[in-house]
PDB file of N, CA and C in Angstrom:
ATOM      1  N   UNK A   1      89.864 100.605  78.619  1.00  0.00           N
ATOM      2  CA  UNK A   1      90.120  99.865  79.830  1.00  0.00           C
ATOM      3  C   UNK A   1      91.032  98.699  79.507  1.00  0.00           C
ATOM      4  N   UNK A   2      91.618  98.151  80.531  1.00  0.00           N
ATOM      5  CA  UNK A   2      92.569  97.065  80.338  1.00  0.00           C
ATOM      6  C   UNK A   2      92.015  95.790  80.971  1.00  0.00           C
ATOM      7  N   UNK A   3      92.254  94.658  80.295  1.00  0.00           N
ATOM      8  CA  UNK A   3      91.837  93.365  80.833  1.00  0.00           C
ATOM      9  C   UNK A   3      93.033  92.418  80.863  1.00  0.00           C
ATOM     10  N   UNK A   4      92.972  91.452  81.802  1.00  0.00           N
ATOM     11  CA  UNK A   4      93.983  90.397  81.908  1.00  0.00           C
ATOM     12  C   UNK A   4      93.246  89.060  81.856  1.00  0.00           C
ATOM     13  N   UNK A   5      93.695  88.185  80.974  1.00  0.00           N
ATOM     14  CA  UNK A   5      93.039  86.890  80.827  1.00  0.00           C
ATOM     15  C   UNK A   5      93.457  85.945  81.943  1.00  0.00           C
ATOM     16  N   UNK A   6      92.458  85.263  82.540  1.00  0.00           N
ATOM     17  CA  UNK A   6      92.665  84.344  83.656  1.00  0.00           C
ATOM     18  C   UNK A   6      92.923  82.928  83.186  1.00  0.00           C
ATOM     19  N   UNK A   7      92.694  82.664  81.910  1.00  0.00           N
ATOM     20  CA  UNK A   7      92.927  81.339  81.346  1.00  0.00           C
ATOM     21  C   UNK A   7      93.265  81.490  79.869  1.00  0.00           C
ATOM     22  N   UNK A   8      93.843  80.453  79.300  1.00  0.00           N
ATOM     23  CA  UNK A   8      94.135  80.457  77.869  1.00  0.00           C
ATOM     24  C   UNK A   8      92.843  80.164  77.121  1.00  0.00           C
ATOM     25  N   UNK A   9      92.535  81.020  76.149  1.00  0.00           N
ATOM     26  CA  UNK A   9      91.283  80.888  75.400  1.00  0.00           C
ATOM     27  C   UNK A   9      91.546  81.063  73.907  1.00  0.00           C
ATOM     28  N   UNK A  10      90.633  80.553  73.104  1.00  0.00           N
ATOM     29  CA  UNK A  10      90.652  80.766  71.665  1.00  0.00           C
ATOM     30  C   UNK A  10      89.520  81.728  71.332  1.00  0.00           C
ATOM     31  N   UNK A  11      89.866  82.867  70.735  1.00  0.00           N
ATOM     32  CA  UNK A  11      88.872  83.870  70.376  1.00  0.00           C
ATOM     33  C   UNK A  11      88.720  83.933  68.868  1.00  0.00           C
ATOM     34  N   UNK A  12      87.486  84.103  68.424  1.00  0.00           N
ATOM     35  CA  UNK A  12      87.218  84.380  67.020  1.00  0.00           C
ATOM     36  C   UNK A  12      87.346  85.881  66.830  1.00  0.00           C
ATOM     37  N   UNK A  13      88.372  86.293  66.091  1.00  0.00           N
ATOM     38  CA  UNK A  13      88.628  87.705  65.834  1.00  0.00           C
ATOM     39  C   UNK A  13      87.986  88.077  64.501  1.00  0.00           C
ATOM     40  N   UNK A  14      87.189  89.136  64.507  1.00  0.00           N
ATOM     41  CA  UNK A  14      86.504  89.584  63.293  1.00  0.00           C
ATOM     42  C   UNK A  14      87.535  90.097  62.293  1.00  0.00           C
ATOM     43  N   UNK A  15      87.430  89.595  61.069  1.00  0.00           N
ATOM     44  CA  UNK A  15      88.321  90.022  59.988  1.00  0.00           C
ATOM     45  C   UNK A  15      87.496  90.219  58.723  1.00  0.00           C
ATOM     46  N   UNK A  16      87.956  91.085  57.871  1.00  0.00           N
ATOM     47  CA  UNK A  16      87.321  91.298  56.557  1.00  0.00           C
ATOM     48  C   UNK A  16      85.848  91.652  56.656  1.00  0.00           C
ATOM     49  N   UNK A  17      85.527  92.650  57.452  1.00  0.00           N
ATOM     50  CA  UNK A  17      84.143  93.094  57.589  1.00  0.00           C
ATOM     51  C   UNK A  17      83.711  93.839  56.332  1.00  0.00           C
ATOM     52  N   UNK A  18      82.566  93.461  55.792  1.00  0.00           N
ATOM     53  CA  UNK A  18      81.996  94.106  54.605  1.00  0.00           C
ATOM     54  C   UNK A  18      80.732  94.846  55.017  1.00  0.00           C
ATOM     55  N   UNK A  19      80.801  96.179  55.082  1.00  0.00           N
ATOM     56  CA  UNK A  19      79.649  96.974  55.511  1.00  0.00           C
ATOM     57  C   UNK A  19      78.454  96.829  54.589  1.00  0.00           C
ATOM     58  N   UNK A  20      78.705  96.830  53.283  1.00  0.00           N
ATOM     59  CA  UNK A  20      77.587  96.811  52.341  1.00  0.00           C
ATOM     60  C   UNK A  20      76.769  95.532  52.440  1.00  0.00           C
ATOM     61  N   UNK A  21      77.389  94.427  52.776  1.00  0.00           N
ATOM     62  CA  UNK A  21      76.658  93.175  52.939  1.00  0.00           C
ATOM     63  C   UNK A  21      76.476  92.783  54.386  1.00  0.00           C
ATOM     64  N   UNK A  22      77.068  93.600  55.307  1.00  0.00           N
ATOM     65  CA  UNK A  22      77.040  93.327  56.739  1.00  0.00           C
ATOM     66  C   UNK A  22      77.478  91.895  57.040  1.00  0.00           C
ATOM     67  N   UNK A  23      78.571  91.475  56.398  1.00  0.00           N
ATOM     68  CA  UNK A  23      79.126  90.142  56.610  1.00  0.00           C
ATOM     69  C   UNK A  23      80.579  90.267  57.051  1.00  0.00           C
ATOM     70  N   UNK A  24      81.098  89.223  57.665  1.00  0.00           N
ATOM     71  CA  UNK A  24      82.496  89.224  58.084  1.00  0.00           C
ATOM     72  C   UNK A  24      83.008  87.797  58.178  1.00  0.00           C
ATOM     73  N   UNK A  25      84.325  87.677  58.128  1.00  0.00           N
ATOM     74  CA  UNK A  25      85.017  86.421  58.369  1.00  0.00           C
ATOM     75  C   UNK A  25      85.659  86.518  59.745  1.00  0.00           C
ATOM     76  N   UNK A  26      86.001  85.372  60.319  1.00  0.00           N
ATOM     77  CA  UNK A  26      86.709  85.380  61.593  1.00  0.00           C
ATOM     78  C   UNK A  26      87.996  84.579  61.474  1.00  0.00           C
ATOM     79  N   UNK A  27      88.965  84.951  62.306  1.00  0.00           N
ATOM     80  CA  UNK A  27      90.228  84.233  62.404  1.00  0.00           C
ATOM     81  C   UNK A  27      90.411  83.824  63.859  1.00  0.00           C
ATOM     82  N   UNK A  28      90.822  82.588  64.086  1.00  0.00           N
ATOM     83  CA  UNK A  28      91.032  82.080  65.434  1.00  0.00           C
ATOM     84  C   UNK A  28      92.362  82.601  65.981  1.00  0.00           C
ATOM     85  N   UNK A  29      92.326  83.131  67.196  1.00  0.00           N
ATOM     86  CA  UNK A  29      93.544  83.609  67.851  1.00  0.00           C
ATOM     87  C   UNK A  29      93.575  83.071  69.273  1.00  0.00           C
ATOM     88  N   UNK A  30      94.723  82.538  69.673  1.00  0.00           N
ATOM     89  CA  UNK A  30      94.891  82.016  71.026  1.00  0.00           C
ATOM     90  C   UNK A  30      95.416  83.141  71.916  1.00  0.00           C
ATOM     91  N   UNK A  31      94.715  83.372  73.019  1.00  0.00           N
ATOM     92  CA  UNK A  31      95.118  84.352  74.025  1.00  0.00           C
ATOM     93  C   UNK A  31      95.555  83.558  75.257  1.00  0.00           C
ATOM     94  N   UNK A  32      96.765  83.817  75.731  1.00  0.00           N
ATOM     95  CA  UNK A  32      97.328  83.040  76.833  1.00  0.00           C
ATOM     96  C   UNK A  32      96.973  83.629  78.191  1.00  0.00           C
ATOM     97  N   UNK A  33      96.962  82.765  79.195  1.00  0.00           N
ATOM     98  CA  UNK A  33      96.720  83.198  80.561  1.00  0.00           C
ATOM     99  C   UNK A  33      97.740  84.280  80.912  1.00  0.00           C
ATOM    100  N   UNK A  34      97.270  85.355  81.541  1.00  0.00           N
ATOM    101  CA  UNK A  34      98.134  86.456  81.937  1.00  0.00           C
ATOM    102  C   UNK A  34      98.290  87.552  80.902  1.00  0.00           C
ATOM    103  N   UNK A  35      97.877  87.295  79.653  1.00  0.00           N
ATOM    104  CA  UNK A  35      97.963  88.331  78.617  1.00  0.00           C
ATOM    105  C   UNK A  35      97.087  89.517  78.996  1.00  0.00           C
ATOM    106  N   UNK A  36      97.618  90.719  78.790  1.00  0.00           N
ATOM    107  CA  UNK A  36      96.878  91.948  79.070  1.00  0.00           C
ATOM    108  C   UNK A  36      96.633  92.691  77.767  1.00  0.00           C
ATOM    109  N   UNK A  37      95.423  93.241  77.625  1.00  0.00           N
ATOM    110  CA  UNK A  37      95.049  93.962  76.411  1.00  0.00           C
ATOM    111  C   UNK A  37      94.236  95.197  76.762  1.00  0.00           C
ATOM    112  N   UNK A  38      94.492  96.265  76.028  1.00  0.00           N
ATOM    113  CA  UNK A  38      93.685  97.482  76.109  1.00  0.00           C
ATOM    114  C   UNK A  38      92.490  97.274  75.188  1.00  0.00           C
ATOM    115  N   UNK A  39      91.268  97.409  75.720  1.00  0.00           N
ATOM    116  CA  UNK A  39      90.059  97.149  74.931  1.00  0.00           C
ATOM    117  C   UNK A  39      88.991  98.203  75.200  1.00  0.00           C
ATOM    118  N   UNK A  40      88.072  98.305  74.261  1.00  0.00           N
ATOM    119  CA  UNK A  40      86.836  99.059  74.453  1.00  0.00           C
ATOM    120  C   UNK A  40      85.697  98.057  74.427  1.00  0.00           C
ATOM    121  N   UNK A  41      84.768  98.169  75.365  1.00  0.00           N
ATOM    122  CA  UNK A  41      83.594  97.304  75.375  1.00  0.00           C
ATOM    123  C   UNK A  41      82.585  97.881  74.385  1.00  0.00           C
ATOM    124  N   UNK A  42      82.241  97.093  73.385  1.00  0.00           N
ATOM    125  CA  UNK A  42      81.291  97.514  72.357  1.00  0.00           C
ATOM    126  C   UNK A  42      79.864  97.203  72.796  1.00  0.00           C
ATOM    127  N   UNK A  43      79.684  96.009  73.379  1.00  0.00           N
ATOM    128  CA  UNK A  43      78.354  95.625  73.867  1.00  0.00           C
ATOM    129  C   UNK A  43      78.495  94.679  75.046  1.00  0.00           C
ATOM    130  N   UNK A  44      77.748  94.946  76.102  1.00  0.00           N
ATOM    131  CA  UNK A  44      77.704  94.084  77.280  1.00  0.00           C
ATOM    132  C   UNK A  44      76.470  93.208  77.166  1.00  0.00           C
ATOM    133  N   UNK A  45      76.683  91.885  77.174  1.00  0.00           N
ATOM    134  CA  UNK A  45      75.592  90.929  76.978  1.00  0.00           C
ATOM    135  C   UNK A  45      75.317  90.118  78.243  1.00  0.00           C
ATOM    136  N   UNK A  46      75.700  90.641  79.391  1.00  0.00           N
ATOM    137  CA  UNK A  46      75.488  89.905  80.638  1.00  0.00           C
ATOM    138  C   UNK A  46      76.727  89.105  80.993  1.00  0.00           C
ATOM    139  N   UNK A  47      76.764  87.827  80.606  1.00  0.00           N
ATOM    140  CA  UNK A  47      77.907  86.965  80.900  1.00  0.00           C
ATOM    141  C   UNK A  47      79.031  87.101  79.887  1.00  0.00           C
ATOM    142  N   UNK A  48      78.800  87.829  78.812  1.00  0.00           N
ATOM    143  CA  UNK A  48      79.799  87.992  77.753  1.00  0.00           C
ATOM    144  C   UNK A  48      79.783  89.432  77.247  1.00  0.00           C
ATOM    145  N   UNK A  49      80.876  89.818  76.600  1.00  0.00           N
ATOM    146  CA  UNK A  49      80.958  91.146  75.998  1.00  0.00           C
ATOM    147  C   UNK A  49      81.559  91.043  74.600  1.00  0.00           C
ATOM    148  N   UNK A  50      81.257  92.028  73.778  1.00  0.00           N
ATOM    149  CA  UNK A  50      81.938  92.225  72.504  1.00  0.00           C
ATOM    150  C   UNK A  50      82.967  93.312  72.754  1.00  0.00           C
ATOM    151  N   UNK A  51      84.219  93.072  72.312  1.00  0.00           N
ATOM    152  CA  UNK A  51      85.282  94.033  72.579  1.00  0.00           C
ATOM    153  C   UNK A  51      86.010  94.423  71.300  1.00  0.00           C
ATOM    154  N   UNK A  52      86.602  95.613  71.359  1.00  0.00           N
ATOM    155  CA  UNK A  52      87.481  96.060  70.290  1.00  0.00           C
ATOM    156  C   UNK A  52      88.851  96.291  70.907  1.00  0.00           C
ATOM    157  N   UNK A  53      89.862  95.643  70.325  1.00  0.00           N
ATOM    158  CA  UNK A  53      91.234  95.781  70.800  1.00  0.00           C
ATOM    159  C   UNK A  53      91.828  97.098  70.310  1.00  0.00           C
ATOM    160  N   UNK A  54      92.954  97.484  70.879  1.00  0.00           N
ATOM    161  CA  UNK A  54      93.620  98.721  70.512  1.00  0.00           C
ATOM    162  C   UNK A  54      94.010  98.808  69.048  1.00  0.00           C
ATOM    163  N   UNK A  55      94.227  97.657  68.399  1.00  0.00           N
ATOM    164  CA  UNK A  55      94.601  97.666  66.978  1.00  0.00           C
ATOM    165  C   UNK A  55      93.391  97.746  66.054  1.00  0.00           C
ATOM    166  N   UNK A  56      92.183  97.823  66.645  1.00  0.00           N
ATOM    167  CA  UNK A  56      90.964  97.936  65.846  1.00  0.00           C
ATOM    168  C   UNK A  56      90.251  96.627  65.597  1.00  0.00           C
ATOM    169  N   UNK A  57      90.899  95.495  65.875  1.00  0.00           N
ATOM    170  CA  UNK A  57      90.236  94.204  65.680  1.00  0.00           C
ATOM    171  C   UNK A  57      89.189  93.996  66.768  1.00  0.00           C
ATOM    172  N   UNK A  58      88.223  93.135  66.493  1.00  0.00           N
ATOM    173  CA  UNK A  58      87.127  92.897  67.434  1.00  0.00           C
ATOM    174  C   UNK A  58      86.977  91.411  67.729  1.00  0.00           C
ATOM    175  N   UNK A  59      86.492  91.116  68.927  1.00  0.00           N
ATOM    176  CA  UNK A  59      86.128  89.756  69.318  1.00  0.00           C
ATOM    177  C   UNK A  59      84.718  89.806  69.887  1.00  0.00           C
ATOM    178  N   UNK A  60      83.908  88.850  69.478  1.00  0.00           N
ATOM    179  CA  UNK A  60      82.512  88.802  69.904  1.00  0.00           C
ATOM    180  C   UNK A  60      82.313  87.713  70.950  1.00  0.00           C
ATOM    181  N   UNK A  61      81.400  87.950  71.863  1.00  0.00           N
ATOM    182  CA  UNK A  61      81.004  86.966  72.879  1.00  0.00           C
ATOM    183  C   UNK A  61      82.170  86.463  73.728  1.00  0.00           C
ATOM    184  N   UNK A  62      82.978  87.390  74.213  1.00  0.00           N
ATOM    185  CA  UNK A  62      84.083  87.048  75.110  1.00  0.00           C
ATOM    186  C   UNK A  62      83.491  86.873  76.505  1.00  0.00           C
ATOM    187  N   UNK A  63      83.617  85.685  77.050  1.00  0.00           N
ATOM    188  CA  UNK A  63      83.027  85.376  78.345  1.00  0.00           C
ATOM    189  C   UNK A  63      83.733  86.146  79.464  1.00  0.00           C
ATOM    190  N   UNK A  64      82.957  86.764  80.338  1.00  0.00           N
ATOM    191  CA  UNK A  64      83.521  87.546  81.438  1.00  0.00           C
ATOM    192  C   UNK A  64      84.318  86.678  82.413  1.00  0.00           C
ATOM    193  N   UNK A  65      84.020  85.394  82.485  1.00  0.00           N
ATOM    194  CA  UNK A  65      84.744  84.485  83.374  1.00  0.00           C
ATOM    195  C   UNK A  65      86.188  84.275  82.913  1.00  0.00           C
ATOM    196  N   UNK A  66      86.496  84.623  81.673  1.00  0.00           N
ATOM    197  CA  UNK A  66      87.828  84.401  81.109  1.00  0.00           C
ATOM    198  C   UNK A  66      88.837  85.480  81.474  1.00  0.00           C
ATOM    199  N   UNK A  67      88.396  86.635  82.000  1.00  0.00           N
ATOM    200  CA  UNK A  67      89.308  87.754  82.227  1.00  0.00           C
ATOM    201  C   UNK A  67      88.880  88.565  83.442  1.00  0.00           C
ATOM    202  N   UNK A  68      89.775  89.451  83.871  1.00  0.00           N
ATOM    203  CA  UNK A  68      89.449  90.438  84.896  1.00  0.00           C
ATOM    204  C   UNK A  68      89.800  91.820  84.348  1.00  0.00           C
ATOM    205  N   UNK A  69      89.047  92.828  84.783  1.00  0.00           N
ATOM    206  CA  UNK A  69      89.371  94.208  84.444  1.00  0.00           C
ATOM    207  C   UNK A  69      90.483  94.663  85.375  1.00  0.00           C
ATOM    208  N   UNK A  70      91.485  95.329  84.838  1.00  0.00           N
ATOM    209  CA  UNK A  70      92.594  95.823  85.678  1.00  0.00           C
ATOM    210  C   UNK A  70      92.765  97.321  85.482  1.00  0.00           C
TER     211      UNK A  70
END
């Protein structure tokens, strides 16, 4: 599905995931108002979702108020 951001936000993008230790690092990425991204919803948490972008990167706890589904 595709989403469009309604405001500029800073997302913690999961990087360097280690399966054996179930640990990961995050990198801060700024997403600008109007940016559109193809994503898969990994988990719906009510007011927030965990998403995976088309390039395979993931963002956790993305607030639903920050974007619209298009």
